[in-house]
């Protein structure tokens, strides 16, 4: 399979799953996907990001050699699909990173939560990443609580729903 050609073929769940199945547990194919995610045109990057979350949730070990590049892509995303899917795989797979990358991840999460124009799905997955880190980094709770409460003023229903769950989690902490 020519990965780039298949990504361009169509933007659908079926195609995404077909590509994810083709990648499977193959580290070389996954590396090719990451290279496309980091360097290709926006439309291809958008589609590659979706495949990344599908494969990453099923095979989180494939992500490990690429974390620095993925966090860099998250910080300089050219399309909302990139942070949405990177945050999603980190939150859903309960992935913990080395401390230096954790710091960059947490910072990226707070940046998207502080920007009301950020798409709700990106914010919701960022909340999930931060919520998963509260036991490991309990000091985050104070800042996260403040950011979420401030965001409720302009929030959509999806934001409010996830924020309320995280706020309850924070309340149970102490």
Protein backbone atom coordinates (compact mmCIF):
# COMPACT_ATOMS: atom_id res chain seq x y z
CA UNK A 1 0.00 0.00 0.00
CA UNK A 2 1.18 3.50 -0.77
CA UNK A 3 0.28 5.20 2.51
CA UNK A 4 0.03 8.75 1.23
CA UNK A 5 -2.09 7.71 -1.75
CA UNK A 6 -4.42 5.75 0.52
CA UNK A 7 -4.75 8.71 2.91
CA UNK A 8 -5.75 10.88 -0.04
CA UNK A 9 -8.17 8.28 -1.41
CA UNK A 10 -11.02 9.28 0.90
CA UNK A 11 -11.62 10.76 4.32
CA UNK A 12 -13.75 8.11 5.98
CA UNK A 13 -13.80 5.81 8.96
CA UNK A 14 -13.58 2.77 6.69
CA UNK A 15 -10.43 4.10 5.01
CA UNK A 16 -8.93 5.08 8.36
CA UNK A 17 -9.54 1.60 9.72
CA UNK A 18 -8.14 0.01 6.55
CA UNK A 19 -4.92 1.99 6.91
CA UNK A 20 -4.71 1.29 10.65
CA UNK A 21 -5.12 -2.45 9.98
CA UNK A 22 -2.39 -2.29 7.32
CA UNK A 23 -0.03 -0.60 9.80
CA UNK A 24 -0.98 -3.06 12.54
CA UNK A 25 2.07 -3.60 14.75
CA UNK A 26 4.60 -2.71 12.06
CA UNK A 27 6.99 -0.06 13.46
CA UNK A 28 8.33 0.89 10.01
CA UNK A 29 4.86 1.54 8.63
CA UNK A 30 3.99 3.53 11.73
CA UNK A 31 7.18 5.59 11.32
CA UNK A 32 6.11 6.35 7.76
CA UNK A 33 2.76 7.58 9.10
CA UNK A 34 4.50 9.84 11.64
CA UNK A 35 6.74 11.26 8.91
CA UNK A 36 3.66 12.12 6.86
CA UNK A 37 1.99 13.64 9.93
CA UNK A 38 5.00 15.86 10.52
CA UNK A 39 5.83 16.94 6.98
CA UNK A 40 2.98 16.66 4.50
CA UNK A 41 0.28 19.01 3.27
CA UNK A 42 -2.52 19.93 5.66
CA UNK A 43 -5.19 17.63 4.21
CA UNK A 44 -2.90 14.61 4.38
CA UNK A 45 -1.76 15.57 7.90
CA UNK A 46 -5.41 15.76 9.01
CA UNK A 47 -6.09 12.25 7.77
CA UNK A 48 -2.82 10.87 9.12
CA UNK A 49 -3.70 12.22 12.56
CA UNK A 50 -6.89 10.16 12.64
CA UNK A 51 -4.98 7.01 11.69
CA UNK A 52 -2.38 7.84 14.35
CA UNK A 53 -5.04 7.82 17.08
CA UNK A 54 -6.52 4.54 15.83
CA UNK A 55 -3.16 2.79 15.74
CA UNK A 56 -1.84 4.50 18.88
CA UNK A 57 -4.81 3.44 21.01
CA UNK A 58 -4.48 -0.15 19.77
CA UNK A 59 -0.66 -0.30 19.85
CA UNK A 60 0.64 2.42 22.22
CA UNK A 61 4.16 0.96 22.18
CA UNK A 62 4.53 2.10 18.56
CA UNK A 63 4.29 5.71 19.76
CA UNK A 64 7.27 5.53 22.11
CA UNK A 65 10.12 6.33 19.71
CA UNK A 66 8.12 9.26 18.31
CA UNK A 67 7.01 11.14 21.42
CA UNK A 68 9.35 14.08 21.04
CA UNK A 69 8.24 14.60 17.42
CA UNK A 70 4.58 14.15 18.32
CA UNK A 71 4.73 16.68 21.16
CA UNK A 72 6.49 19.09 18.80
CA UNK A 73 3.72 18.53 16.24
CA UNK A 74 1.16 19.15 18.96
CA UNK A 75 2.80 22.45 19.89
CA UNK A 76 2.92 23.68 16.28
CA UNK A 77 -0.20 22.04 14.86
CA UNK A 78 -1.22 23.11 11.38
CA UNK A 79 -4.66 21.51 11.68
CA UNK A 80 -6.89 20.90 14.73
CA UNK A 81 -6.90 17.17 13.94
CA UNK A 82 -3.29 16.95 15.11
CA UNK A 83 -3.78 18.07 18.73
CA UNK A 84 -7.22 16.43 18.89
CA UNK A 85 -5.84 13.01 17.98
CA UNK A 86 -2.57 13.26 19.89
CA UNK A 87 -4.40 14.37 23.05
CA UNK A 88 -6.98 11.63 22.43
CA UNK A 89 -4.46 8.80 22.22
CA UNK A 90 -2.57 10.06 25.29
CA UNK A 91 -5.77 10.39 27.31
CA UNK A 92 -7.47 7.20 26.14
CA UNK A 93 -4.41 4.97 26.40
CA UNK A 94 -3.39 6.54 29.76
CA UNK A 95 0.10 7.18 28.45
CA UNK A 96 2.72 8.73 30.70
CA UNK A 97 5.75 10.38 29.17
CA UNK A 98 9.24 11.17 30.42
CA UNK A 99 9.17 14.19 32.74
CA UNK A 100 10.47 16.72 30.19
CA UNK A 101 7.83 15.69 27.66
CA UNK A 102 5.14 15.61 30.37
CA UNK A 103 5.90 19.26 31.06
CA UNK A 104 5.54 20.18 27.40
CA UNK A 105 2.32 18.15 27.16
CA UNK A 106 0.80 19.82 30.22
CA UNK A 107 1.76 23.24 28.88
CA UNK A 108 0.15 22.44 25.50
CA UNK A 109 -3.02 21.30 27.27
CA UNK A 110 -3.29 24.53 29.24
CA UNK A 111 -2.64 26.59 26.11
CA UNK A 112 -5.58 25.05 24.23
CA UNK A 113 -7.85 25.31 27.28
CA UNK A 114 -7.07 29.01 27.61
CA UNK A 115 -8.06 29.75 24.00
CA UNK A 116 -11.85 29.94 23.55
CA UNK A 117 -11.51 29.60 19.75
CA UNK A 118 -9.92 26.15 20.09
CA UNK A 119 -12.30 23.44 18.83
CA UNK A 120 -14.20 21.75 21.66
CA UNK A 121 -12.96 18.25 20.81
CA UNK A 122 -9.36 19.43 21.20
CA UNK A 123 -10.18 21.00 24.57
CA UNK A 124 -12.07 17.94 25.80
CA UNK A 125 -9.16 15.61 25.00
CA UNK A 126 -6.72 18.08 26.60
CA UNK A 127 -8.87 17.94 29.75
CA UNK A 128 -8.61 14.15 29.64
CA UNK A 129 -4.81 14.33 29.43
CA UNK A 130 -4.65 16.67 32.41
CA UNK A 131 -7.21 14.70 34.43
CA UNK A 132 -5.11 11.55 33.98
CA UNK A 133 -2.09 13.38 35.40
CA UNK A 134 -3.72 14.66 38.57
CA UNK A 135 -2.72 11.66 40.70
CA UNK A 136 0.88 11.92 39.52
CA UNK A 137 0.98 15.73 39.71
CA UNK A 138 -1.65 16.84 42.26
CA UNK A 139 -0.42 20.45 42.15
CA UNK A 140 -1.99 20.72 38.68
CA UNK A 141 -5.46 20.56 40.27
CA UNK A 142 -5.50 24.17 41.45
CA UNK A 143 -4.57 25.64 38.08
CA UNK A 144 -6.79 23.21 36.16
CA UNK A 145 -9.78 24.02 38.36
CA UNK A 146 -9.31 27.75 37.78
CA UNK A 147 -8.95 27.35 34.01
CA UNK A 148 -12.00 25.08 33.71
CA UNK A 149 -14.19 27.33 35.85
CA UNK A 150 -13.17 30.35 33.79
CA UNK A 151 -13.86 28.46 30.57
CA UNK A 152 -17.38 27.54 31.66
CA UNK A 153 -18.49 31.12 31.02
CA UNK A 154 -18.21 30.75 27.24
CA UNK A 155 -18.30 26.98 26.93
CA UNK A 156 -20.26 24.67 24.71
CA UNK A 157 -22.24 21.77 26.13
CA UNK A 158 -19.40 19.35 25.35
CA UNK A 159 -16.86 21.48 27.16
CA UNK A 160 -19.14 21.95 30.17
CA UNK A 161 -19.89 18.23 30.39
CA UNK A 162 -16.23 17.16 30.40
CA UNK A 163 -15.19 20.08 32.64
CA UNK A 164 -17.82 19.15 35.22
CA UNK A 165 -16.49 15.57 35.32
CA UNK A 166 -12.93 16.79 35.81
CA UNK A 167 -14.04 19.28 38.46
CA UNK A 168 -15.76 16.46 40.35
CA UNK A 169 -12.55 14.43 40.11
CA UNK A 170 -10.62 17.39 41.55
CA UNK A 171 -13.16 17.79 44.36
CA UNK A 172 -12.74 14.12 45.32
CA UNK A 173 -8.99 14.64 45.59
CA UNK A 174 -9.14 16.82 48.57
